Amino acid sequence: MSHICDPVDYKFVPVEINEIDIFKGILKLLSFIRPEWTPENITFKVFTDGITNKLVASQFLDEHGHDSDIVLVRIYGNKTDLLIDRNAEVRNIAILNKTGLAPKIYGVFKNGLAYEYCPGVTLTPDTVTDANISSLVAKQMAKMHKVQLGKEVSN
C-alpha cells in the first residue's frame, strides 16, 4: 500500500535566532508556538553532536517540576542553505510526518525549525547489525519508499 501525500502547510514564525544568545531567541520562538509556557519553567539542553547546526531541546516542567513537553529547536548553520534546499527539507519532513516517519513540525523560523521530540537511541554499528533492529529499520525504509510525493515535487 502506498501513501499519497498532499502539500503540507506549516506555521512560519517571524523570529531569527542569534548564535550569540540562542536561549533568548528560543524563548521568543516558544512564545509563538507554546504561548502557555512560562519562561521560568523552561529548561534547555544543547546537543553537541552536530557539525553545522545547533540543536536544543526546550523542555517545559509543570508546576510539580515534572517533564511535560519537549520541543526541539534546530538552528541552521551559517550558509548551510547554499548546500541544502531548506524549503524541500521542511516539505519532506512534513510529508513524512503524515505517514508516521518523521516528527511533527511546530514552526519554521528564519534560520531554523522547531519540531516534535521523538524519544529513541542512536544506532551504532553493533545495534544496526542486530537482526531484530535491522528488520525494523528495513520495514520503516520500505514504508518510506512507498510514499508518493505530490505532483509539485520533481523526481
N, C-alpha and C. Protein backbone atom coordinates (compact mmCIF):
# COMPACT_ATOMS: atom_id res chain seq x y z
N MET A 1 0.83 -1.18 0.00
CA MET A 1 0.00 0.00 0.00
C MET A 1 0.88 1.25 0.00
N SER A 2 0.63 2.15 -0.91
CA SER A 2 1.42 3.38 -0.95
C SER A 2 0.61 4.53 -0.38
N HIS A 3 1.33 5.54 0.06
CA HIS A 3 0.69 6.73 0.62
C HIS A 3 0.85 7.88 -0.36
N ILE A 4 -0.23 8.58 -0.62
CA ILE A 4 -0.16 9.78 -1.45
C ILE A 4 -0.31 10.97 -0.51
N CYS A 5 0.63 11.87 -0.57
CA CYS A 5 0.63 13.00 0.35
C CYS A 5 0.39 14.30 -0.40
N ASP A 6 -0.48 15.11 0.15
CA ASP A 6 -0.74 16.44 -0.37
C ASP A 6 0.31 17.40 0.15
N PRO A 7 0.45 18.56 -0.49
CA PRO A 7 1.35 19.58 0.05
C PRO A 7 0.94 19.90 1.50
N VAL A 8 1.91 20.21 2.30
CA VAL A 8 1.67 20.40 3.73
C VAL A 8 1.94 21.85 4.11
N ASP A 9 1.08 22.39 4.94
CA ASP A 9 1.30 23.73 5.46
C ASP A 9 1.95 23.64 6.83
N TYR A 10 2.77 24.61 7.15
CA TYR A 10 3.37 24.69 8.47
C TYR A 10 3.40 26.16 8.85
N LYS A 11 3.50 26.40 10.12
CA LYS A 11 3.44 27.77 10.65
C LYS A 11 4.81 28.44 10.51
N PHE A 12 4.83 29.61 9.89
CA PHE A 12 6.06 30.40 9.85
C PHE A 12 6.05 31.37 11.02
N VAL A 13 7.15 31.41 11.74
CA VAL A 13 7.27 32.29 12.91
C VAL A 13 8.32 33.36 12.58
N PRO A 14 7.97 34.63 12.68
CA PRO A 14 8.89 35.70 12.30
C PRO A 14 9.98 35.95 13.36
N VAL A 15 10.84 34.97 13.51
CA VAL A 15 11.92 35.05 14.50
C VAL A 15 13.22 34.63 13.83
N GLU A 16 14.31 35.28 14.19
CA GLU A 16 15.65 34.84 13.80
C GLU A 16 16.45 34.68 15.08
N ILE A 17 17.04 33.52 15.26
CA ILE A 17 17.79 33.25 16.49
C ILE A 17 19.26 33.58 16.26
N ASN A 18 19.77 34.48 17.08
CA ASN A 18 21.16 34.91 17.01
C ASN A 18 22.03 33.91 17.78
N GLU A 19 23.12 33.47 17.16
CA GLU A 19 24.00 32.49 17.80
C GLU A 19 24.64 33.01 19.08
N ILE A 20 24.71 34.32 19.24
CA ILE A 20 25.32 34.90 20.43
C ILE A 20 24.44 34.67 21.66
N ASP A 21 23.11 34.69 21.49
CA ASP A 21 22.19 34.48 22.61
C ASP A 21 21.03 33.60 22.15
N ILE A 22 21.33 32.31 21.96
CA ILE A 22 20.32 31.41 21.40
C ILE A 22 19.13 31.22 22.34
N PHE A 23 19.35 31.25 23.63
CA PHE A 23 18.24 31.00 24.56
C PHE A 23 17.21 32.12 24.53
N LYS A 24 17.66 33.37 24.38
CA LYS A 24 16.73 34.49 24.25
C LYS A 24 15.88 34.31 22.99
N GLY A 25 16.53 33.93 21.89
CA GLY A 25 15.81 33.70 20.64
C GLY A 25 14.85 32.53 20.73
N ILE A 26 15.25 31.46 21.40
CA ILE A 26 14.37 30.29 21.55
C ILE A 26 13.15 30.66 22.40
N LEU A 27 13.36 31.43 23.45
CA LEU A 27 12.22 31.87 24.27
C LEU A 27 11.23 32.69 23.44
N LYS A 28 11.74 33.54 22.56
CA LYS A 28 10.86 34.32 21.70
C LYS A 28 10.10 33.39 20.75
N LEU A 29 10.78 32.41 20.17
CA LEU A 29 10.14 31.42 19.29
C LEU A 29 9.05 30.66 20.03
N LEU A 30 9.38 30.20 21.25
CA LEU A 30 8.41 29.44 22.04
C LEU A 30 7.19 30.27 22.41
N SER A 31 7.36 31.58 22.52
CA SER A 31 6.20 32.43 22.84
C SER A 31 5.16 32.39 21.72
N PHE A 32 5.58 32.02 20.51
CA PHE A 32 4.66 31.88 19.39
C PHE A 32 4.07 30.47 19.31
N ILE A 33 4.92 29.46 19.51
CA ILE A 33 4.43 28.09 19.29
C ILE A 33 3.97 27.39 20.57
N ARG A 34 4.38 27.91 21.72
CA ARG A 34 3.93 27.39 23.02
C ARG A 34 3.65 28.57 23.94
N PRO A 35 2.65 29.41 23.60
CA PRO A 35 2.40 30.63 24.38
C PRO A 35 2.03 30.35 25.83
N GLU A 36 1.56 29.16 26.13
CA GLU A 36 1.18 28.82 27.51
C GLU A 36 2.39 28.49 28.39
N TRP A 37 3.55 28.30 27.79
CA TRP A 37 4.76 28.00 28.57
C TRP A 37 5.27 29.28 29.24
N THR A 38 5.59 29.18 30.51
CA THR A 38 6.19 30.31 31.22
C THR A 38 7.71 30.14 31.18
N PRO A 39 8.44 31.20 30.85
CA PRO A 39 9.90 31.08 30.70
C PRO A 39 10.61 30.48 31.91
N GLU A 40 10.14 30.78 33.12
CA GLU A 40 10.83 30.24 34.30
C GLU A 40 10.66 28.73 34.46
N ASN A 41 9.75 28.12 33.70
CA ASN A 41 9.54 26.67 33.76
C ASN A 41 10.12 25.94 32.55
N ILE A 42 10.98 26.62 31.81
CA ILE A 42 11.60 26.02 30.63
C ILE A 42 13.07 25.74 30.90
N THR A 43 13.50 24.54 30.58
CA THR A 43 14.92 24.20 30.67
C THR A 43 15.43 23.89 29.26
N PHE A 44 16.73 24.01 29.10
CA PHE A 44 17.35 23.78 27.79
C PHE A 44 18.45 22.75 27.90
N LYS A 45 18.58 21.94 26.87
CA LYS A 45 19.70 21.02 26.74
C LYS A 45 20.24 21.19 25.33
N VAL A 46 21.51 21.56 25.23
CA VAL A 46 22.16 21.74 23.93
C VAL A 46 22.83 20.43 23.55
N PHE A 47 22.53 19.94 22.35
CA PHE A 47 23.18 18.73 21.84
C PHE A 47 24.41 19.17 21.06
N THR A 48 25.50 18.46 21.23
CA THR A 48 26.77 18.91 20.68
C THR A 48 27.30 18.02 19.55
N ASP A 49 26.50 17.08 19.07
CA ASP A 49 27.00 16.16 18.05
C ASP A 49 26.95 16.72 16.63
N GLY A 50 26.25 17.82 16.42
CA GLY A 50 26.10 18.36 15.07
C GLY A 50 27.37 19.00 14.56
N ILE A 51 27.49 19.06 13.25
CA ILE A 51 28.66 19.67 12.62
C ILE A 51 28.41 21.15 12.35
N THR A 52 27.24 21.46 11.77
CA THR A 52 26.96 22.85 11.42
C THR A 52 25.75 23.42 12.16
N ASN A 53 24.71 22.61 12.37
CA ASN A 53 23.50 23.09 13.03
C ASN A 53 23.67 23.04 14.54
N LYS A 54 22.86 23.85 15.22
CA LYS A 54 22.75 23.75 16.68
C LYS A 54 21.39 23.14 16.97
N LEU A 55 21.37 22.17 17.88
CA LEU A 55 20.12 21.52 18.25
C LEU A 55 19.94 21.68 19.75
N VAL A 56 18.76 22.22 20.13
CA VAL A 56 18.47 22.48 21.53
C VAL A 56 17.12 21.87 21.88
N ALA A 57 17.10 21.09 22.94
CA ALA A 57 15.83 20.58 23.47
C ALA A 57 15.32 21.61 24.47
N SER A 58 14.11 22.08 24.23
CA SER A 58 13.45 23.02 25.14
C SER A 58 12.37 22.24 25.85
N GLN A 59 12.48 22.14 27.16
CA GLN A 59 11.57 21.29 27.92
C GLN A 59 10.78 22.13 28.92
N PHE A 60 9.48 21.88 28.94
CA PHE A 60 8.62 22.57 29.90
C PHE A 60 8.39 21.67 31.10
N LEU A 61 8.60 22.22 32.27
CA LEU A 61 8.36 21.50 33.51
C LEU A 61 7.06 22.00 34.12
N ASP A 62 6.17 21.08 34.50
CA ASP A 62 4.90 21.51 35.08
C ASP A 62 5.11 22.06 36.49
N GLU A 63 4.02 22.43 37.15
CA GLU A 63 4.11 23.06 38.48
C GLU A 63 4.75 22.17 39.54
N HIS A 64 4.83 20.86 39.28
CA HIS A 64 5.47 19.92 40.20
C HIS A 64 6.91 19.60 39.79
N GLY A 65 7.39 20.25 38.73
CA GLY A 65 8.75 20.02 38.27
C GLY A 65 8.90 18.78 37.40
N HIS A 66 7.78 18.21 36.94
CA HIS A 66 7.83 17.03 36.09
C HIS A 66 7.89 17.44 34.62
N ASP A 67 8.57 16.59 33.83
CA ASP A 67 8.63 16.82 32.39
C ASP A 67 7.22 16.85 31.82
N SER A 68 6.92 17.87 31.04
CA SER A 68 5.60 17.98 30.47
C SER A 68 5.63 17.87 28.95
N ASP A 69 6.52 18.59 28.32
CA ASP A 69 6.58 18.63 26.87
C ASP A 69 7.99 19.04 26.46
N ILE A 70 8.41 18.57 25.29
CA ILE A 70 9.72 18.93 24.76
C ILE A 70 9.55 19.39 23.32
N VAL A 71 10.19 20.49 22.99
CA VAL A 71 10.25 20.99 21.62
C VAL A 71 11.73 21.04 21.24
N LEU A 72 12.07 20.41 20.12
CA LEU A 72 13.43 20.51 19.61
C LEU A 72 13.52 21.73 18.70
N VAL A 73 14.59 22.49 18.87
CA VAL A 73 14.81 23.67 18.04
C VAL A 73 16.14 23.46 17.32
N ARG A 74 16.05 23.45 15.99
CA ARG A 74 17.26 23.32 15.17
C ARG A 74 17.56 24.67 14.55
N ILE A 75 18.75 25.19 14.85
CA ILE A 75 19.20 26.47 14.29
C ILE A 75 20.21 26.12 13.21
N TYR A 76 19.90 26.52 11.99
CA TYR A 76 20.75 26.17 10.86
C TYR A 76 22.12 26.81 10.98
N GLY A 77 23.13 26.08 10.54
CA GLY A 77 24.48 26.62 10.49
C GLY A 77 24.59 27.71 9.44
N ASN A 78 25.53 28.58 9.63
CA ASN A 78 25.75 29.71 8.73
C ASN A 78 26.03 29.23 7.31
N LYS A 79 25.26 29.72 6.36
CA LYS A 79 25.40 29.47 4.92
C LYS A 79 25.12 28.02 4.52
N THR A 80 24.52 27.20 5.40
CA THR A 80 24.19 25.83 5.01
C THR A 80 23.09 25.79 3.97
N ASP A 81 22.33 26.88 3.84
CA ASP A 81 21.29 26.95 2.82
C ASP A 81 21.88 26.94 1.41
N LEU A 82 23.18 27.17 1.29
CA LEU A 82 23.83 27.08 -0.02
C LEU A 82 23.98 25.63 -0.46
N LEU A 83 23.97 24.71 0.50
CA LEU A 83 24.12 23.28 0.20
C LEU A 83 22.81 22.52 0.29
N ILE A 84 21.90 23.00 1.13
CA ILE A 84 20.67 22.27 1.41
C ILE A 84 19.47 23.14 1.05
N ASP A 85 18.54 22.59 0.29
CA ASP A 85 17.31 23.29 -0.03
C ASP A 85 16.40 23.17 1.19
N ARG A 86 16.38 24.21 2.02
CA ARG A 86 15.63 24.17 3.28
C ARG A 86 14.13 24.05 3.07
N ASN A 87 13.60 24.65 2.00
CA ASN A 87 12.17 24.52 1.73
C ASN A 87 11.82 23.07 1.42
N ALA A 88 12.64 22.41 0.62
CA ALA A 88 12.40 21.00 0.30
C ALA A 88 12.55 20.14 1.55
N GLU A 89 13.53 20.45 2.38
CA GLU A 89 13.75 19.70 3.62
C GLU A 89 12.52 19.75 4.52
N VAL A 90 11.99 20.95 4.73
CA VAL A 90 10.82 21.12 5.59
C VAL A 90 9.61 20.43 4.98
N ARG A 91 9.42 20.61 3.66
CA ARG A 91 8.31 19.94 2.97
C ARG A 91 8.40 18.42 3.15
N ASN A 92 9.59 17.86 2.98
CA ASN A 92 9.76 16.40 3.08
C ASN A 92 9.51 15.91 4.50
N ILE A 93 9.97 16.65 5.50
CA ILE A 93 9.71 16.26 6.89
C ILE A 93 8.21 16.26 7.16
N ALA A 94 7.52 17.31 6.68
CA ALA A 94 6.08 17.41 6.90
C ALA A 94 5.33 16.28 6.20
N ILE A 95 5.73 15.94 4.99
CA ILE A 95 5.10 14.83 4.27
C ILE A 95 5.36 13.51 4.99
N LEU A 96 6.58 13.28 5.40
CA LEU A 96 6.92 12.03 6.10
C LEU A 96 6.22 11.95 7.45
N ASN A 97 5.95 13.09 8.08
CA ASN A 97 5.21 13.08 9.34
C ASN A 97 3.82 12.52 9.16
N LYS A 98 3.19 12.86 8.05
CA LYS A 98 1.83 12.37 7.79
C LYS A 98 1.76 10.84 7.70
N THR A 99 2.88 10.20 7.41
CA THR A 99 2.91 8.74 7.33
C THR A 99 3.55 8.10 8.56
N GLY A 100 3.85 8.92 9.57
CA GLY A 100 4.43 8.40 10.80
C GLY A 100 5.92 8.17 10.74
N LEU A 101 6.60 8.78 9.77
CA LEU A 101 8.02 8.53 9.58
C LEU A 101 8.93 9.70 9.98
N ALA A 102 8.34 10.77 10.47
CA ALA A 102 9.14 11.93 10.86
C ALA A 102 8.37 12.69 11.93
N PRO A 103 9.07 13.53 12.69
CA PRO A 103 8.38 14.31 13.73
C PRO A 103 7.50 15.39 13.14
N LYS A 104 6.58 15.88 13.95
CA LYS A 104 5.71 16.99 13.55
C LYS A 104 6.50 18.29 13.65
N ILE A 105 6.35 19.13 12.65
CA ILE A 105 6.97 20.46 12.69
C ILE A 105 6.00 21.41 13.36
N TYR A 106 6.47 22.07 14.42
CA TYR A 106 5.63 23.04 15.13
C TYR A 106 5.75 24.42 14.51
N GLY A 107 6.91 24.74 13.97
CA GLY A 107 7.10 26.05 13.39
C GLY A 107 8.42 26.14 12.66
N VAL A 108 8.42 26.95 11.62
CA VAL A 108 9.63 27.24 10.86
C VAL A 108 9.93 28.71 11.08
N PHE A 109 11.18 29.02 11.38
CA PHE A 109 11.57 30.41 11.58
C PHE A 109 12.68 30.76 10.60
N LYS A 110 13.14 31.99 10.62
CA LYS A 110 14.06 32.48 9.58
C LYS A 110 15.31 31.62 9.42
N ASN A 111 15.86 31.12 10.51
CA ASN A 111 17.09 30.33 10.40
C ASN A 111 16.99 28.98 11.12
N GLY A 112 15.81 28.36 11.01
CA GLY A 112 15.69 27.04 11.60
C GLY A 112 14.27 26.54 11.67
N LEU A 113 14.08 25.51 12.47
CA LEU A 113 12.75 24.96 12.66
C LEU A 113 12.62 24.36 14.05
N ALA A 114 11.37 24.28 14.50
CA ALA A 114 11.03 23.70 15.80
C ALA A 114 10.14 22.51 15.53
N TYR A 115 10.45 21.38 16.18
CA TYR A 115 9.69 20.18 15.88
C TYR A 115 9.58 19.27 17.10
N GLU A 116 8.77 18.26 16.92
CA GLU A 116 8.44 17.29 17.96
C GLU A 116 9.67 16.46 18.37
N TYR A 117 9.79 16.22 19.66
CA TYR A 117 10.81 15.32 20.18
C TYR A 117 10.28 13.89 20.13
N CYS A 118 11.05 13.01 19.53
CA CYS A 118 10.70 11.59 19.49
C CYS A 118 11.78 10.83 20.23
N PRO A 119 11.45 10.25 21.39
CA PRO A 119 12.49 9.56 22.15
C PRO A 119 13.05 8.36 21.38
N GLY A 120 14.30 8.09 21.59
CA GLY A 120 14.94 6.96 20.93
C GLY A 120 16.42 6.95 21.24
N VAL A 121 17.13 6.08 20.57
CA VAL A 121 18.57 5.98 20.73
C VAL A 121 19.23 6.00 19.35
N THR A 122 20.43 6.48 19.30
CA THR A 122 21.20 6.48 18.06
C THR A 122 21.73 5.09 17.81
N LEU A 123 21.57 4.62 16.58
CA LEU A 123 22.08 3.29 16.25
C LEU A 123 23.60 3.34 16.14
N THR A 124 24.20 2.24 16.52
CA THR A 124 25.65 2.08 16.43
C THR A 124 25.92 0.95 15.44
N PRO A 125 27.17 0.73 15.04
CA PRO A 125 27.45 -0.41 14.16
C PRO A 125 26.99 -1.74 14.77
N ASP A 126 27.07 -1.88 16.08
CA ASP A 126 26.62 -3.12 16.72
C ASP A 126 25.10 -3.25 16.71
N THR A 127 24.40 -2.17 17.05
CA THR A 127 22.94 -2.28 17.12
C THR A 127 22.30 -2.38 15.75
N VAL A 128 22.86 -1.70 14.76
CA VAL A 128 22.25 -1.72 13.43
C VAL A 128 22.41 -3.09 12.75
N THR A 129 23.38 -3.86 13.18
CA THR A 129 23.54 -5.20 12.60
C THR A 129 22.79 -6.27 13.38
N ASP A 130 22.16 -5.90 14.48
CA ASP A 130 21.32 -6.83 15.23
C ASP A 130 20.12 -7.18 14.35
N ALA A 131 19.81 -8.46 14.21
CA ALA A 131 18.75 -8.93 13.30
C ALA A 131 17.39 -8.30 13.61
N ASN A 132 17.05 -8.17 14.87
CA ASN A 132 15.75 -7.58 15.23
C ASN A 132 15.67 -6.11 14.83
N ILE A 133 16.74 -5.38 15.10
CA ILE A 133 16.76 -3.96 14.80
C ILE A 133 16.84 -3.72 13.29
N SER A 134 17.70 -4.46 12.60
CA SER A 134 17.82 -4.25 11.15
C SER A 134 16.50 -4.59 10.44
N SER A 135 15.75 -5.54 10.96
CA SER A 135 14.44 -5.87 10.39
C SER A 135 13.47 -4.70 10.57
N LEU A 136 13.49 -4.07 11.75
CA LEU A 136 12.63 -2.91 11.99
C LEU A 136 13.02 -1.74 11.09
N VAL A 137 14.31 -1.52 10.91
CA VAL A 137 14.79 -0.45 10.04
C VAL A 137 14.34 -0.71 8.60
N ALA A 138 14.48 -1.96 8.16
CA ALA A 138 14.08 -2.31 6.79
C ALA A 138 12.59 -2.08 6.57
N LYS A 139 11.76 -2.39 7.55
CA LYS A 139 10.31 -2.16 7.42
C LYS A 139 10.00 -0.67 7.29
N GLN A 140 10.67 0.14 8.08
CA GLN A 140 10.44 1.59 8.02
C GLN A 140 10.95 2.17 6.70
N MET A 141 12.09 1.67 6.23
CA MET A 141 12.63 2.14 4.94
C MET A 141 11.68 1.76 3.80
N ALA A 142 11.13 0.55 3.85
CA ALA A 142 10.17 0.13 2.82
C ALA A 142 8.94 1.04 2.84
N LYS A 143 8.47 1.37 4.03
CA LYS A 143 7.32 2.27 4.17
C LYS A 143 7.64 3.64 3.57
N MET A 144 8.85 4.13 3.84
CA MET A 144 9.25 5.43 3.32
C MET A 144 9.32 5.41 1.80
N HIS A 145 9.81 4.35 1.22
CA HIS A 145 9.95 4.28 -0.23
C HIS A 145 8.61 4.13 -0.96
N LYS A 146 7.55 3.84 -0.21
CA LYS A 146 6.22 3.75 -0.81
C LYS A 146 5.49 5.09 -0.81
N VAL A 147 6.04 6.07 -0.13
CA VAL A 147 5.41 7.38 -0.09
C VAL A 147 5.47 8.01 -1.47
N GLN A 148 4.32 8.43 -1.98
CA GLN A 148 4.25 9.11 -3.27
C GLN A 148 4.16 10.61 -3.00
N LEU A 149 5.13 11.32 -3.51
CA LEU A 149 5.14 12.77 -3.34
C LEU A 149 4.16 13.39 -4.32
N GLY A 150 3.69 14.56 -4.00
CA GLY A 150 2.73 15.25 -4.85
C GLY A 150 3.34 15.66 -6.19
N LYS A 151 2.49 16.10 -7.09
CA LYS A 151 2.92 16.50 -8.44
C LYS A 151 3.91 17.66 -8.42
N GLU A 152 3.83 18.48 -7.36
CA GLU A 152 4.71 19.65 -7.29
C GLU A 152 6.16 19.29 -6.97
N VAL A 153 6.41 18.03 -6.62
CA VAL A 153 7.75 17.58 -6.28
C VAL A 153 8.34 16.85 -7.48
N SER A 154 9.43 17.40 -8.02
CA SER A 154 10.06 16.74 -9.17
C SER A 154 10.93 15.60 -8.68
N ASN A 155 11.11 14.60 -9.52
CA ASN A 155 11.91 13.40 -9.14
C ASN A 155 13.38 13.67 -9.27
